[in-house]
Amino acid sequence: MAKKVSKNLRGPREKARSELPGTKIIASSPSDLSKAWARYYDRLGAHFVELIGRRRFQVILEAGCGKGQLTIPLLRRLPTNVKMIAIDSAKGPYDGWLNELGHQLRTAGLEERVRQIRSDARRIKGVEDSSVDVVVSNELLCDLPFDSQLEKALKEFYRVLRPGGLMIHGEWSSSPAIEPQAFLVKHWPSWTPDQLFAITRKNGFHKFRVTYFGTTIHFGYENAIDELRTWGAKETFLRRNDKMLKREGIELPYEHIVQCEK
């Protein structure tokens, strides 16, 4: 996904944000990092399952599954009769991630429940029309920065979903952090719920709604540096802001979760 990092010099976040219930996971040192991410995605998986609710379904498709950060905690919370189709382009910075997903699934004993497909979400291979009950993704839409790209993916999701099927997408909200001097992770683009409402409705979806996932991670200095580098931050940026990073670290924004139906 594309990310930008900047200093947020604005005042405290707006009231609606401060009212979000949530949990701040602390990753102060490198030894905390893997557990912090595991806890984050376990909570996110639980949130997705809550949104799916009590509807009966058998097939769920995860678009942009990556190396399984959400895949595995999501599967563990779903009924054992539910099968998953996990698709990812596995190109560029994501090269090799499907192989890692396969390893993780075997380790977790979940490989029999997942069909992995190397495919772009804008042109989904090997999935028949109206064969999927639920489509989910997390941090995928930011990899579709133009309207035309997003529309192609939405048309494919519409194609594979059964009538009445559910679609859920999670994206980081590029909103001010509560601290007046803090680092803010930004997307390019930052698809707002209003924009997503308009474009999903245009492509045939209805019953649109938005919820917020209030869990975040606060990274201590060493973890912050490593994360910023993986997000493409330049060394000049890191040197210029070293003192603030040592003092503040960085914190993930909340996610907005959009859902709609075919």
C-alpha atoms as a PDB file:
ATOM      1  CA  MET A   1       0.000   0.000   0.000  1.00  0.00           C
ATOM      2  CA  ALA A   2       1.131   3.560  -0.546  1.00  0.00           C
ATOM      3  CA  LYS A   3       1.793   5.580   2.577  1.00  0.00           C
ATOM      4  CA  LYS A   4       2.966   9.041   3.383  1.00  0.00           C
ATOM      5  CA  VAL A   5       4.280  10.209   6.718  1.00  0.00           C
ATOM      6  CA  SER A   6       4.078  13.773   7.931  1.00  0.00           C
ATOM      7  CA  LYS A   7       4.120  15.763  11.133  1.00  0.00           C
ATOM      8  CA  ASN A   8       0.675  16.652  12.359  1.00  0.00           C
ATOM      9  CA  LEU A   9       0.878  20.149  13.815  1.00  0.00           C
ATOM     10  CA  ARG A  10      -2.834  20.574  14.319  1.00  0.00           C
ATOM     11  CA  GLY A  11      -4.649  20.607  17.630  1.00  0.00           C
ATOM     12  CA  PRO A  12      -6.410  17.684  19.308  1.00  0.00           C
ATOM     13  CA  ARG A  13      -8.552  15.444  17.117  1.00  0.00           C
ATOM     14  CA  GLU A  14     -12.177  16.293  16.579  1.00  0.00           C
ATOM     15  CA  LYS A  15     -14.838  15.155  19.031  1.00  0.00           C
ATOM     16  CA  ALA A  16     -16.151  12.305  16.918  1.00  0.00           C
ATOM     17  CA  ARG A  17     -12.729  10.705  16.893  1.00  0.00           C
ATOM     18  CA  SER A  18     -12.196  11.097  20.635  1.00  0.00           C
ATOM     19  CA  GLU A  19     -15.468   9.300  21.299  1.00  0.00           C
ATOM     20  CA  LEU A  20     -14.269   6.150  19.553  1.00  0.00           C
ATOM     21  CA  PRO A  21     -13.798   3.287  22.006  1.00  0.00           C
ATOM     22  CA  GLY A  22     -10.490   1.623  21.432  1.00  0.00           C
ATOM     23  CA  THR A  23      -7.285   0.065  22.674  1.00  0.00           C
ATOM     24  CA  LYS A  24      -3.755   1.347  22.287  1.00  0.00           C
ATOM     25  CA  ILE A  25      -1.283  -1.507  21.879  1.00  0.00           C
ATOM     26  CA  ILE A  26       2.212  -0.555  23.008  1.00  0.00           C
ATOM     27  CA  ALA A  27       5.247  -1.758  21.039  1.00  0.00           C
ATOM     28  CA  SER A  28       8.066   0.010  22.873  1.00  0.00           C
ATOM     29  CA  SER A  29      10.935  -2.262  21.843  1.00  0.00           C
ATOM     30  CA  PRO A  30      11.660  -4.611  18.914  1.00  0.00           C
ATOM     31  CA  SER A  31      10.803  -7.624  21.081  1.00  0.00           C
ATOM     32  CA  ASP A  32       7.239  -6.292  21.384  1.00  0.00           C
ATOM     33  CA  LEU A  33       6.589  -5.812  17.677  1.00  0.00           C
ATOM     34  CA  SER A  34       5.410  -9.209  16.419  1.00  0.00           C
ATOM     35  CA  LYS A  35       3.092  -9.677  19.393  1.00  0.00           C
ATOM     36  CA  ALA A  36       1.692  -6.170  18.904  1.00  0.00           C
ATOM     37  CA  TRP A  37       0.829  -6.806  15.257  1.00  0.00           C
ATOM     38  CA  ALA A  38      -0.639 -10.231  16.112  1.00  0.00           C
ATOM     39  CA  ARG A  39      -2.860  -8.656  18.751  1.00  0.00           C
ATOM     40  CA  TYR A  40      -3.878  -5.890  16.347  1.00  0.00           C
ATOM     41  CA  TYR A  41      -4.952  -8.280  13.592  1.00  0.00           C
ATOM     42  CA  ASP A  42      -6.667 -10.632  16.026  1.00  0.00           C
ATOM     43  CA  ARG A  43      -8.835  -7.724  17.174  1.00  0.00           C
ATOM     44  CA  LEU A  44      -9.427  -6.640  13.578  1.00  0.00           C
ATOM     45  CA  GLY A  45     -10.483 -10.165  12.629  1.00  0.00           C
ATOM     46  CA  ALA A  46     -12.936 -10.175  15.527  1.00  0.00           C
ATOM     47  CA  HIS A  47     -14.339  -6.846  14.320  1.00  0.00           C
ATOM     48  CA  PHE A  48     -14.860  -8.201  10.795  1.00  0.00           C
ATOM     49  CA  VAL A  49     -16.629 -11.290  12.157  1.00  0.00           C
ATOM     50  CA  GLU A  50     -18.884  -9.059  14.233  1.00  0.00           C
ATOM     51  CA  LEU A  51     -19.794  -7.099  11.103  1.00  0.00           C
ATOM     52  CA  ILE A  52     -20.582 -10.289   9.182  1.00  0.00           C
ATOM     53  CA  GLY A  53     -22.958 -11.150  11.995  1.00  0.00           C
ATOM     54  CA  ARG A  54     -25.234 -14.170  11.967  1.00  0.00           C
ATOM     55  CA  ARG A  55     -25.721 -14.456   8.228  1.00  0.00           C
ATOM     56  CA  ARG A  56     -25.224 -17.948   6.898  1.00  0.00           C
ATOM     57  CA  PHE A  57     -22.459 -18.296   4.358  1.00  0.00           C
ATOM     58  CA  GLN A  58     -20.000 -20.831   3.030  1.00  0.00           C
ATOM     59  CA  VAL A  59     -17.482 -18.945   0.891  1.00  0.00           C
ATOM     60  CA  ILE A  60     -15.550 -15.802   1.792  1.00  0.00           C
ATOM     61  CA  LEU A  61     -13.059 -14.104  -0.530  1.00  0.00           C
ATOM     62  CA  GLU A  62     -10.224 -12.004   0.857  1.00  0.00           C
ATOM     63  CA  ALA A  63      -8.808  -9.611  -1.728  1.00  0.00           C
ATOM     64  CA  GLY A  64      -5.214  -8.517  -1.188  1.00  0.00           C
ATOM     65  CA  CYS A  65      -4.594 -11.203   1.425  1.00  0.00           C
ATOM     66  CA  GLY A  66      -0.839 -10.580   1.520  1.00  0.00           C
ATOM     67  CA  LYS A  67       0.991 -12.970   3.818  1.00  0.00           C
ATOM     68  CA  GLY A  68      -2.069 -13.675   5.931  1.00  0.00           C
ATOM     69  CA  GLN A  69      -1.957 -10.991   8.612  1.00  0.00           C
ATOM     70  CA  LEU A  70      -5.773 -10.880   8.648  1.00  0.00           C
ATOM     71  CA  THR A  71      -6.447 -14.199   6.906  1.00  0.00           C
ATOM     72  CA  ILE A  72      -5.480 -16.480   9.765  1.00  0.00           C
ATOM     73  CA  PRO A  73      -7.095 -14.645  12.703  1.00  0.00           C
ATOM     74  CA  LEU A  74     -10.234 -14.231  10.584  1.00  0.00           C
ATOM     75  CA  LEU A  75     -10.408 -17.927   9.684  1.00  0.00           C
ATOM     76  CA  ARG A  76      -9.912 -18.976  13.288  1.00  0.00           C
ATOM     77  CA  ARG A  77     -13.038 -17.046  14.250  1.00  0.00           C
ATOM     78  CA  LEU A  78     -15.241 -18.285  11.404  1.00  0.00           C
ATOM     79  CA  PRO A  79     -17.243 -21.541  11.435  1.00  0.00           C
ATOM     80  CA  THR A  80     -15.135 -24.497  10.312  1.00  0.00           C
ATOM     81  CA  ASN A  81     -17.420 -25.156   7.334  1.00  0.00           C
ATOM     82  CA  VAL A  82     -16.535 -21.756   5.823  1.00  0.00           C
ATOM     83  CA  LYS A  83     -14.005 -21.872   2.988  1.00  0.00           C
ATOM     84  CA  MET A  84     -11.847 -18.939   1.926  1.00  0.00           C
ATOM     85  CA  ILE A  85     -10.526 -17.817  -1.441  1.00  0.00           C
ATOM     86  CA  ALA A  86      -7.409 -15.735  -0.811  1.00  0.00           C
ATOM     87  CA  ILE A  87      -6.211 -13.620  -3.730  1.00  0.00           C
ATOM     88  CA  ASP A  88      -3.182 -11.395  -4.068  1.00  0.00           C
ATOM     89  CA  SER A  89      -1.160 -10.087  -6.995  1.00  0.00           C
ATOM     90  CA  ALA A  90       2.055 -10.950  -5.083  1.00  0.00           C
ATOM     91  CA  LYS A  91       3.983  -8.440  -7.188  1.00  0.00           C
ATOM     92  CA  GLY A  92       6.500  -5.719  -6.430  1.00  0.00           C
ATOM     93  CA  PRO A  93       6.817  -5.146  -2.670  1.00  0.00           C
ATOM     94  CA  TYR A  94       4.408  -8.055  -2.090  1.00  0.00           C
ATOM     95  CA  ASP A  95       6.474 -10.608  -4.017  1.00  0.00           C
ATOM     96  CA  GLY A  96       6.679 -13.904  -2.139  1.00  0.00           C
ATOM     97  CA  TRP A  97       3.852 -13.083   0.247  1.00  0.00           C
ATOM     98  CA  LEU A  98       1.564 -15.855  -1.057  1.00  0.00           C
ATOM     99  CA  ASN A  99       4.340 -18.371  -0.391  1.00  0.00           C
ATOM    100  CA  GLU A 100       4.602 -17.059   3.144  1.00  0.00           C
ATOM    101  CA  LEU A 101       0.820 -17.287   3.498  1.00  0.00           C
ATOM    102  CA  GLY A 102       0.951 -20.939   2.448  1.00  0.00           C
ATOM    103  CA  HIS A 103       3.568 -21.651   5.101  1.00  0.00           C
ATOM    104  CA  GLN A 104       1.544 -19.856   7.770  1.00  0.00           C
ATOM    105  CA  LEU A 105      -1.609 -21.775   6.823  1.00  0.00           C
ATOM    106  CA  ARG A 106       0.178 -25.118   7.025  1.00  0.00           C
ATOM    107  CA  THR A 107       1.638 -24.208  10.405  1.00  0.00           C
ATOM    108  CA  ALA A 108      -1.820 -23.223  11.666  1.00  0.00           C
ATOM    109  CA  GLY A 109      -3.468 -26.338  10.206  1.00  0.00           C
ATOM    110  CA  LEU A 110      -5.794 -24.230   8.051  1.00  0.00           C
ATOM    111  CA  GLU A 111      -4.525 -25.005   4.547  1.00  0.00           C
ATOM    112  CA  GLU A 112      -7.512 -27.243   3.700  1.00  0.00           C
ATOM    113  CA  ARG A 113      -9.890 -24.314   4.167  1.00  0.00           C
ATOM    114  CA  VAL A 114      -8.111 -21.868   1.855  1.00  0.00           C
ATOM    115  CA  ARG A 115      -7.743 -21.709  -1.907  1.00  0.00           C
ATOM    116  CA  GLN A 116      -4.903 -19.359  -2.836  1.00  0.00           C
ATOM    117  CA  ILE A 117      -5.005 -17.535  -6.163  1.00  0.00           C
ATOM    118  CA  ARG A 118      -2.331 -15.256  -7.555  1.00  0.00           C
ATOM    119  CA  SER A 119      -4.496 -12.600  -9.176  1.00  0.00           C
ATOM    120  CA  ASP A 120      -5.072  -8.882  -9.414  1.00  0.00           C
ATOM    121  CA  ALA A 121      -8.285  -7.770  -7.701  1.00  0.00           C
ATOM    122  CA  ARG A 122      -9.222  -5.845 -10.847  1.00  0.00           C
ATOM    123  CA  ARG A 123      -9.294  -9.047 -12.890  1.00  0.00           C
ATOM    124  CA  ILE A 124      -9.989 -11.965 -10.576  1.00  0.00           C
ATOM    125  CA  LYS A 125      -8.974 -15.282 -12.099  1.00  0.00           C
ATOM    126  CA  GLY A 126     -10.585 -18.633 -11.423  1.00  0.00           C
ATOM    127  CA  VAL A 127     -13.619 -17.410  -9.472  1.00  0.00           C
ATOM    128  CA  GLU A 128     -17.036 -17.926 -11.050  1.00  0.00           C
ATOM    129  CA  ASP A 129     -19.836 -15.388 -11.182  1.00  0.00           C
ATOM    130  CA  SER A 130     -22.122 -15.296  -8.117  1.00  0.00           C
ATOM    131  CA  SER A 131     -20.062 -17.906  -6.251  1.00  0.00           C
ATOM    132  CA  VAL A 132     -18.974 -15.944  -3.151  1.00  0.00           C
ATOM    133  CA  ASP A 133     -21.025 -14.964  -0.100  1.00  0.00           C
ATOM    134  CA  VAL A 134     -18.689 -12.394   1.477  1.00  0.00           C
ATOM    135  CA  VAL A 135     -15.817 -10.274   0.110  1.00  0.00           C
ATOM    136  CA  VAL A 136     -13.384  -8.671   2.555  1.00  0.00           C
ATOM    137  CA  SER A 137     -10.169  -6.692   2.307  1.00  0.00           C
ATOM    138  CA  ASN A 138      -7.927  -4.607   4.513  1.00  0.00           C
ATOM    139  CA  GLU A 139      -5.555  -1.910   3.265  1.00  0.00           C
ATOM    140  CA  LEU A 140      -6.272  -2.865  -0.344  1.00  0.00           C
ATOM    141  CA  LEU A 141      -8.147   0.156  -1.653  1.00  0.00           C
ATOM    142  CA  CYS A 142      -5.146   2.431  -1.092  1.00  0.00           C
ATOM    143  CA  ASP A 143      -3.362   0.344  -3.742  1.00  0.00           C
ATOM    144  CA  LEU A 144      -6.050   1.438  -6.221  1.00  0.00           C
ATOM    145  CA  PRO A 145      -5.328   5.175  -6.305  1.00  0.00           C
ATOM    146  CA  PHE A 146      -7.482   6.133  -9.293  1.00  0.00           C
ATOM    147  CA  ASP A 147     -11.241   5.952  -9.774  1.00  0.00           C
ATOM    148  CA  SER A 148     -10.840   3.708 -12.813  1.00  0.00           C
ATOM    149  CA  GLN A 149      -8.742   1.186 -10.858  1.00  0.00           C
ATOM    150  CA  LEU A 150     -11.110   1.094  -7.909  1.00  0.00           C
ATOM    151  CA  GLU A 151     -14.126   0.715 -10.193  1.00  0.00           C
ATOM    152  CA  LYS A 152     -12.556  -2.277 -11.945  1.00  0.00           C
ATOM    153  CA  ALA A 153     -12.069  -4.002  -8.590  1.00  0.00           C
ATOM    154  CA  LEU A 154     -15.602  -3.158  -7.452  1.00  0.00           C
ATOM    155  CA  LYS A 155     -17.040  -4.558 -10.683  1.00  0.00           C
ATOM    156  CA  GLU A 156     -15.136  -7.796 -10.054  1.00  0.00           C
ATOM    157  CA  PHE A 157     -16.353  -7.983  -6.459  1.00  0.00           C
ATOM    158  CA  TYR A 158     -19.896  -7.423  -7.707  1.00  0.00           C
ATOM    159  CA  ARG A 159     -19.438 -10.147 -10.319  1.00  0.00           C
ATOM    160  CA  VAL A 160     -18.253 -12.847  -7.908  1.00  0.00           C
ATOM    161  CA  LEU A 161     -20.728 -12.024  -5.117  1.00  0.00           C
ATOM    162  CA  ARG A 162     -24.038 -13.793  -4.902  1.00  0.00           C
ATOM    163  CA  PRO A 163     -27.180 -11.605  -4.802  1.00  0.00           C
ATOM    164  CA  GLY A 164     -27.422 -10.233  -1.276  1.00  0.00           C
ATOM    165  CA  GLY A 165     -23.723 -10.900  -0.707  1.00  0.00           C
ATOM    166  CA  LEU A 166     -21.771  -8.734   1.730  1.00  0.00           C
ATOM    167  CA  MET A 167     -18.639  -6.663   1.069  1.00  0.00           C
ATOM    168  CA  ILE A 168     -16.402  -5.241   3.841  1.00  0.00           C
ATOM    169  CA  HIS A 169     -13.260  -3.122   3.389  1.00  0.00           C
ATOM    170  CA  GLY A 170     -10.988  -1.675   6.053  1.00  0.00           C
ATOM    171  CA  GLU A 171      -8.744   1.359   5.470  1.00  0.00           C
ATOM    172  CA  TRP A 172      -6.685   3.586   7.723  1.00  0.00           C
ATOM    173  CA  SER A 173      -8.335   6.929   8.353  1.00  0.00           C
ATOM    174  CA  SER A 174      -5.855   9.742   7.741  1.00  0.00           C
ATOM    175  CA  SER A 175      -7.172  11.875  10.585  1.00  0.00           C
ATOM    176  CA  PRO A 176      -5.400  13.962  13.196  1.00  0.00           C
ATOM    177  CA  ALA A 177      -3.900  12.142  16.148  1.00  0.00           C
ATOM    178  CA  ILE A 178      -4.910  13.289  19.610  1.00  0.00           C
ATOM    179  CA  GLU A 179      -1.477  14.681  20.399  1.00  0.00           C
ATOM    180  CA  PRO A 180      -0.894  18.215  19.069  1.00  0.00           C
ATOM    181  CA  GLN A 181       2.672  17.285  18.103  1.00  0.00           C
ATOM    182  CA  ALA A 182       2.695  13.809  16.627  1.00  0.00           C
ATOM    183  CA  PHE A 183       3.407  11.834  13.495  1.00  0.00           C
ATOM    184  CA  LEU A 184       0.502  10.984  11.265  1.00  0.00           C
ATOM    185  CA  VAL A 185       0.488   8.123   8.770  1.00  0.00           C
ATOM    186  CA  LYS A 186      -1.256   9.167   5.573  1.00  0.00           C
ATOM    187  CA  HIS A 187      -2.391   7.269   2.512  1.00  0.00           C
ATOM    188  CA  TRP A 188      -2.270   8.324  -1.063  1.00  0.00           C
ATOM    189  CA  PRO A 189      -5.070   8.367  -1.815  1.00  0.00           C
ATOM    190  CA  SER A 190      -7.116   8.498   1.340  1.00  0.00           C
ATOM    191  CA  TRP A 191     -10.474   7.135   0.179  1.00  0.00           C
ATOM    192  CA  THR A 192     -13.022   8.734   2.490  1.00  0.00           C
ATOM    193  CA  PRO A 193     -16.276   6.989   3.436  1.00  0.00           C
ATOM    194  CA  ASP A 194     -18.189   9.592   1.406  1.00  0.00           C
ATOM    195  CA  GLN A 195     -16.128   8.843  -1.693  1.00  0.00           C
ATOM    196  CA  LEU A 196     -16.543   5.105  -1.196  1.00  0.00           C
ATOM    197  CA  PHE A 197     -20.291   5.492  -0.720  1.00  0.00           C
ATOM    198  CA  ALA A 198     -20.581   7.290  -4.054  1.00  0.00           C
ATOM    199  CA  ILE A 199     -18.429   4.880  -6.027  1.00  0.00           C
ATOM    200  CA  THR A 200     -19.920   1.686  -4.553  1.00  0.00           C
ATOM    201  CA  ARG A 201     -23.455   2.923  -5.198  1.00  0.00           C
ATOM    202  CA  LYS A 202     -22.473   3.798  -8.759  1.00  0.00           C
ATOM    203  CA  ASN A 203     -21.354   0.195  -9.201  1.00  0.00           C
ATOM    204  CA  GLY A 204     -24.574  -1.372  -7.968  1.00  0.00           C
ATOM    205  CA  PHE A 205     -24.025  -1.837  -4.232  1.00  0.00           C
ATOM    206  CA  HIS A 206     -26.510  -0.748  -1.570  1.00  0.00           C
ATOM    207  CA  LYS A 207     -27.041  -0.781   2.231  1.00  0.00           C
ATOM    208  CA  PHE A 208     -23.804   1.153   2.717  1.00  0.00           C
ATOM    209  CA  ARG A 209     -22.635   1.807   6.258  1.00  0.00           C
ATOM    210  CA  VAL A 210     -19.447   2.805   8.079  1.00  0.00           C
ATOM    211  CA  THR A 211     -17.996   1.670  11.397  1.00  0.00           C
ATOM    212  CA  TYR A 212     -14.656   2.407  13.036  1.00  0.00           C
ATOM    213  CA  PHE A 213     -12.013   0.061  14.398  1.00  0.00           C
ATOM    214  CA  GLY A 214     -10.605   1.836  17.414  1.00  0.00           C
ATOM    215  CA  THR A 215      -7.487  -0.245  18.114  1.00  0.00           C
ATOM    216  CA  THR A 216      -4.134   1.327  17.307  1.00  0.00           C
ATOM    217  CA  ILE A 217      -0.438   0.590  17.862  1.00  0.00           C
ATOM    218  CA  HIS A 218       2.044   3.002  19.397  1.00  0.00           C
ATOM    219  CA  PHE A 219       5.585   2.294  18.188  1.00  0.00           C
ATOM    220  CA  GLY A 220       8.587   3.191  20.326  1.00  0.00           C
ATOM    221  CA  TYR A 221      11.655   4.771  18.747  1.00  0.00           C
ATOM    222  CA  GLU A 222      13.380   1.702  17.248  1.00  0.00           C
ATOM    223  CA  ASN A 223      10.132   0.213  15.978  1.00  0.00           C
ATOM    224  CA  ALA A 224       9.069   3.599  14.619  1.00  0.00           C
ATOM    225  CA  ILE A 225      12.282   3.908  12.601  1.00  0.00           C
ATOM    226  CA  ASP A 226      11.893   0.392  11.174  1.00  0.00           C
ATOM    227  CA  GLU A 227       8.226   0.914  10.313  1.00  0.00           C
ATOM    228  CA  LEU A 228       8.873   4.271   8.663  1.00  0.00           C
ATOM    229  CA  ARG A 229      11.605   2.729   6.520  1.00  0.00           C
ATOM    230  CA  THR A 230       9.281  -0.029   5.337  1.00  0.00           C
ATOM    231  CA  TRP A 231       6.771   2.687   4.434  1.00  0.00           C
ATOM    232  CA  GLY A 232       9.340   4.445   2.251  1.00  0.00           C
ATOM    233  CA  ALA A 233      10.418   7.299   4.539  1.00  0.00           C
ATOM    234  CA  LYS A 234      13.707   8.837   3.394  1.00  0.00           C
ATOM    235  CA  GLU A 235      16.755   8.946   5.636  1.00  0.00           C
ATOM    236  CA  THR A 236      16.757  12.741   5.468  1.00  0.00           C
ATOM    237  CA  PHE A 237      13.243  12.728   6.931  1.00  0.00           C
ATOM    238  CA  LEU A 238      14.304  10.360   9.708  1.00  0.00           C
ATOM    239  CA  ARG A 239      17.359  12.441  10.611  1.00  0.00           C
ATOM    240  CA  ARG A 240      15.404  15.687  10.565  1.00  0.00           C
ATOM    241  CA  ASN A 241      12.771  14.293  12.920  1.00  0.00           C
ATOM    242  CA  ASP A 242      14.964  12.077  15.062  1.00  0.00           C
ATOM    243  CA  LYS A 243      14.401  13.989  18.304  1.00  0.00           C
ATOM    244  CA  MET A 244      10.641  13.929  17.950  1.00  0.00           C
ATOM    245  CA  LEU A 245      10.667  10.233  17.068  1.00  0.00           C
ATOM    246  CA  LYS A 246      12.686   9.510  20.205  1.00  0.00           C
ATOM    247  CA  ARG A 247      10.266  11.534  22.276  1.00  0.00           C
ATOM    248  CA  GLU A 248       6.947  10.596  20.642  1.00  0.00           C
ATOM    249  CA  GLY A 249       7.386   7.469  18.524  1.00  0.00           C
ATOM    250  CA  ILE A 250       4.569   7.033  16.001  1.00  0.00           C
ATOM    251  CA  GLU A 251       1.009   5.793  16.256  1.00  0.00           C
ATOM    252  CA  LEU A 252      -1.251   4.160  13.704  1.00  0.00           C
ATOM    253  CA  PRO A 253      -4.499   5.943  12.894  1.00  0.00           C
ATOM    254  CA  TYR A 254      -7.832   4.240  13.401  1.00  0.00           C
ATOM    255  CA  GLU A 255      -9.450   2.349  10.537  1.00  0.00           C
ATOM    256  CA  HIS A 256     -12.765   3.125   8.960  1.00  0.00           C
ATOM    257  CA  ILE A 257     -14.610  -0.020   7.891  1.00  0.00           C
ATOM    258  CA  VAL A 258     -17.085   0.295   5.041  1.00  0.00           C
ATOM    259  CA  GLN A 259     -19.636  -2.368   4.230  1.00  0.00           C
ATOM    260  CA  CYS A 260     -22.358  -2.771   1.633  1.00  0.00           C
ATOM    261  CA  GLU A 261     -24.340  -5.451  -0.162  1.00  0.00           C
ATOM    262  CA  LYS A 262     -24.918  -6.593  -3.726  1.00  0.00           C
END
